[in-house]
């Protein structure tokens, strides 16, 4: 795990200093002071490193992300993670290749929202049509990723204000669904 982390740290360091399309596996391994071939013991390509960085760091930053009761604090933790790693993700989110990290982020957020909604349905004893459930997941995750990109782009973004607005937005969406289904609304 130490070697894998060294490769990830070297990749993060390089992403901050040069465009991703100019970073090679050789550059990464030279920065990590490791043999080039060692890279392939841990990763398929440099995009795989970005995916691992995101997945491992977000997993650590966002605990209990599948629970309906804690979704507001989950959103704050997620946004705080991106704020703390702003320069890195400002560059990463611009990568527009086949294996773009934005897709990994979008998929993660979509799965997280799906887990939160599924937990809400269990707790509230409601049935939501599978097609509509998927629609809500996609809409919310797409809008959150678009907002995240705007947040990352603007260095003067206020973390507290942005987190509060996202919480209100999600609470409004969840409450709209609950009201439509005749359920008590969510209060924070």
Protein backbone atom coordinates (compact mmCIF):
# COMPACT_ATOMS: atom_id res chain seq x y z
CA UNK A 1 0.00 0.00 0.00
CA UNK A 2 2.92 2.32 0.67
CA UNK A 3 4.16 1.97 -2.91
CA UNK A 4 0.69 2.58 -4.28
CA UNK A 5 0.41 5.72 -2.18
CA UNK A 6 3.83 6.93 -3.36
CA UNK A 7 2.69 6.56 -6.96
CA UNK A 8 -0.53 8.42 -6.17
CA UNK A 9 1.34 11.21 -4.38
CA UNK A 10 3.75 11.58 -7.29
CA UNK A 11 0.83 11.76 -9.72
CA UNK A 12 -0.90 14.41 -7.62
CA UNK A 13 2.33 16.40 -7.43
CA UNK A 14 2.79 16.27 -11.22
CA UNK A 15 -0.85 17.19 -11.92
CA UNK A 16 -0.25 20.42 -10.01
CA UNK A 17 2.76 21.34 -12.15
CA UNK A 18 1.95 20.29 -15.72
CA UNK A 19 -0.96 19.42 -18.02
CA UNK A 20 -2.13 15.82 -17.61
CA UNK A 21 -1.58 15.00 -21.28
CA UNK A 22 2.12 15.80 -20.74
CA UNK A 23 2.45 13.44 -17.78
CA UNK A 24 3.71 9.95 -18.55
CA UNK A 25 4.08 6.83 -16.46
CA UNK A 26 7.84 7.41 -16.67
CA UNK A 27 7.41 10.93 -15.19
CA UNK A 28 5.26 9.57 -12.40
CA UNK A 29 7.69 6.84 -11.48
CA UNK A 30 10.71 9.16 -11.64
CA UNK A 31 8.92 11.54 -9.27
CA UNK A 32 8.08 8.61 -6.97
CA UNK A 33 11.69 7.33 -7.20
CA UNK A 34 10.46 3.90 -8.29
CA UNK A 35 11.12 1.62 -11.25
CA UNK A 36 8.76 2.24 -14.17
CA UNK A 37 7.64 -1.42 -14.28
CA UNK A 38 6.48 -1.23 -10.66
CA UNK A 39 3.69 1.11 -11.80
CA UNK A 40 1.94 -1.76 -13.59
CA UNK A 41 1.90 -3.87 -10.44
CA UNK A 42 -0.62 -1.39 -9.05
CA UNK A 43 -2.27 0.52 -11.90
CA UNK A 44 -3.31 -0.02 -15.52
CA UNK A 45 -2.61 3.55 -16.62
CA UNK A 46 -2.33 7.09 -15.29
CA UNK A 47 -6.14 7.49 -15.35
CA UNK A 48 -6.39 4.51 -13.03
CA UNK A 49 -4.20 6.41 -10.55
CA UNK A 50 -6.61 9.37 -10.61
CA UNK A 51 -9.52 7.02 -10.02
CA UNK A 52 -7.75 5.39 -7.08
CA UNK A 53 -6.82 8.78 -5.59
CA UNK A 54 -10.42 9.93 -5.77
CA UNK A 55 -11.95 6.70 -4.50
CA UNK A 56 -9.53 6.18 -1.63
CA UNK A 57 -9.50 9.79 -0.45
CA UNK A 58 -13.25 10.31 -0.74
CA UNK A 59 -13.91 7.04 1.08
CA UNK A 60 -11.79 8.36 3.93
CA UNK A 61 -13.33 11.86 3.82
CA UNK A 62 -16.97 10.83 3.52
CA UNK A 63 -18.02 8.28 6.07
CA UNK A 64 -21.57 6.97 6.45
CA UNK A 65 -22.39 8.33 3.01
CA UNK A 66 -25.24 5.90 2.45
CA UNK A 67 -27.45 6.99 5.32
CA UNK A 68 -30.46 9.20 4.84
CA UNK A 69 -30.14 10.73 8.33
CA UNK A 70 -26.60 11.97 7.71
CA UNK A 71 -26.79 13.16 4.09
CA UNK A 72 -26.44 16.87 4.94
CA UNK A 73 -23.18 16.27 6.81
CA UNK A 74 -22.06 13.95 3.99
CA UNK A 75 -22.48 16.78 1.48
CA UNK A 76 -20.46 19.14 3.70
CA UNK A 77 -17.67 16.56 4.01
CA UNK A 78 -17.66 15.92 0.26
CA UNK A 79 -17.49 19.61 -0.56
CA UNK A 80 -14.82 20.14 2.10
CA UNK A 81 -12.74 17.37 0.51
CA UNK A 82 -12.92 19.10 -2.87
CA UNK A 83 -12.17 22.48 -1.30
CA UNK A 84 -9.11 21.06 0.48
CA UNK A 85 -7.90 19.56 -2.82
CA UNK A 86 -9.10 22.43 -5.02
CA UNK A 87 -5.96 22.97 -7.12
CA UNK A 88 -5.64 19.28 -7.89
CA UNK A 89 -9.29 18.90 -8.90
CA UNK A 90 -9.31 22.14 -10.86
CA UNK A 91 -6.85 20.45 -13.18
CA UNK A 92 -8.32 16.95 -12.99
CA UNK A 93 -11.86 18.04 -13.82
CA UNK A 94 -10.58 19.63 -17.04
CA UNK A 95 -9.36 16.29 -18.42
CA UNK A 96 -11.69 15.47 -21.28
CA UNK A 97 -10.34 12.15 -22.49
CA UNK A 98 -12.02 8.77 -22.81
CA UNK A 99 -11.29 7.92 -19.16
CA UNK A 100 -12.14 11.38 -17.82
CA UNK A 101 -12.16 11.59 -14.03
CA UNK A 102 -15.39 13.59 -14.17
CA UNK A 103 -17.18 10.37 -15.11
CA UNK A 104 -15.78 8.62 -12.04
CA UNK A 105 -16.83 11.50 -9.80
CA UNK A 106 -20.29 11.58 -11.39
CA UNK A 107 -20.71 7.82 -10.96
CA UNK A 108 -19.64 7.99 -7.32
CA UNK A 109 -22.02 10.84 -6.53
CA UNK A 110 -24.81 9.09 -8.40
CA UNK A 111 -24.25 5.89 -6.39
CA UNK A 112 -24.04 7.85 -3.16
CA UNK A 113 -27.34 9.61 -3.91
CA UNK A 114 -28.88 6.26 -4.84
CA UNK A 115 -27.82 4.80 -1.51
CA UNK A 116 -29.21 7.79 0.39
CA UNK A 117 -32.53 7.61 -1.49
CA UNK A 118 -32.76 3.84 -0.97
CA UNK A 119 -32.13 4.31 2.76
CA UNK A 120 -34.81 7.02 2.82
CA UNK A 121 -37.29 4.69 1.09
CA UNK A 122 -36.56 1.96 3.67
CA UNK A 123 -36.87 4.30 6.63
CA UNK A 124 -40.03 5.98 5.36
CA UNK A 125 -41.53 2.70 4.08
CA UNK A 126 -42.19 4.08 0.62
CA UNK A 127 -41.97 2.57 -2.82
CA UNK A 128 -40.49 4.61 -5.62
CA UNK A 129 -40.79 3.44 -9.20
CA UNK A 130 -37.38 2.14 -10.35
CA UNK A 131 -37.35 4.30 -13.49
CA UNK A 132 -38.16 7.43 -11.53
CA UNK A 133 -35.63 6.49 -8.85
CA UNK A 134 -32.91 6.24 -11.53
CA UNK A 135 -34.10 9.50 -13.09
CA UNK A 136 -33.80 11.34 -9.75
CA UNK A 137 -30.35 9.83 -9.16
CA UNK A 138 -29.12 10.98 -12.57
CA UNK A 139 -30.63 14.46 -12.31
CA UNK A 140 -29.28 15.14 -8.84
CA UNK A 141 -25.82 13.78 -9.57
CA UNK A 142 -25.57 15.69 -12.86
CA UNK A 143 -26.58 18.96 -11.24
CA UNK A 144 -24.22 18.39 -8.29
CA UNK A 145 -21.26 17.68 -10.57
CA UNK A 146 -22.01 20.79 -12.64
CA UNK A 147 -22.18 22.85 -9.45
CA UNK A 148 -19.00 21.22 -8.14
CA UNK A 149 -17.16 22.20 -11.32
CA UNK A 150 -18.31 25.81 -10.90
CA UNK A 151 -17.28 25.73 -7.22
CA UNK A 152 -13.82 24.41 -8.10
CA UNK A 153 -13.33 26.97 -10.85
CA UNK A 154 -14.02 29.97 -8.61
CA UNK A 155 -11.21 30.31 -6.06
CA UNK A 156 -13.28 32.81 -4.11
CA UNK A 157 -16.12 30.31 -3.55
CA UNK A 158 -17.40 30.29 0.00
CA UNK A 159 -17.38 26.69 1.28
CA UNK A 160 -19.95 27.28 4.02
CA UNK A 161 -22.39 29.10 1.72
CA UNK A 162 -21.99 26.55 -1.08
CA UNK A 163 -22.53 23.62 1.30
CA UNK A 164 -25.64 25.26 2.76
CA UNK A 165 -27.08 25.94 -0.71
CA UNK A 166 -26.45 22.34 -1.80
CA UNK A 167 -28.09 21.09 1.38
CA UNK A 168 -31.15 23.30 0.76
CA UNK A 169 -31.33 22.15 -2.86
CA UNK A 170 -31.19 18.47 -1.92
CA UNK A 171 -33.60 18.94 0.97
CA UNK A 172 -36.05 20.69 -1.38
CA UNK A 173 -35.77 17.83 -3.89
CA UNK A 174 -36.21 15.12 -1.26
CA UNK A 175 -39.12 16.96 0.36
CA UNK A 176 -40.82 17.36 -3.01
CA UNK A 177 -40.64 13.60 -3.47
CA UNK A 178 -41.87 12.94 0.07
CA UNK A 179 -44.76 15.40 -0.27
CA UNK A 180 -45.80 13.84 -3.57
CA UNK A 181 -45.85 10.44 -1.86
CA UNK A 182 -47.82 11.77 1.11
CA UNK A 183 -44.95 11.40 3.59
CA UNK A 184 -43.72 13.77 6.31
CA UNK A 185 -41.00 16.05 5.01
CA UNK A 186 -37.35 15.98 6.02
CA UNK A 187 -36.32 18.56 8.60
CA UNK A 188 -32.77 19.22 9.58
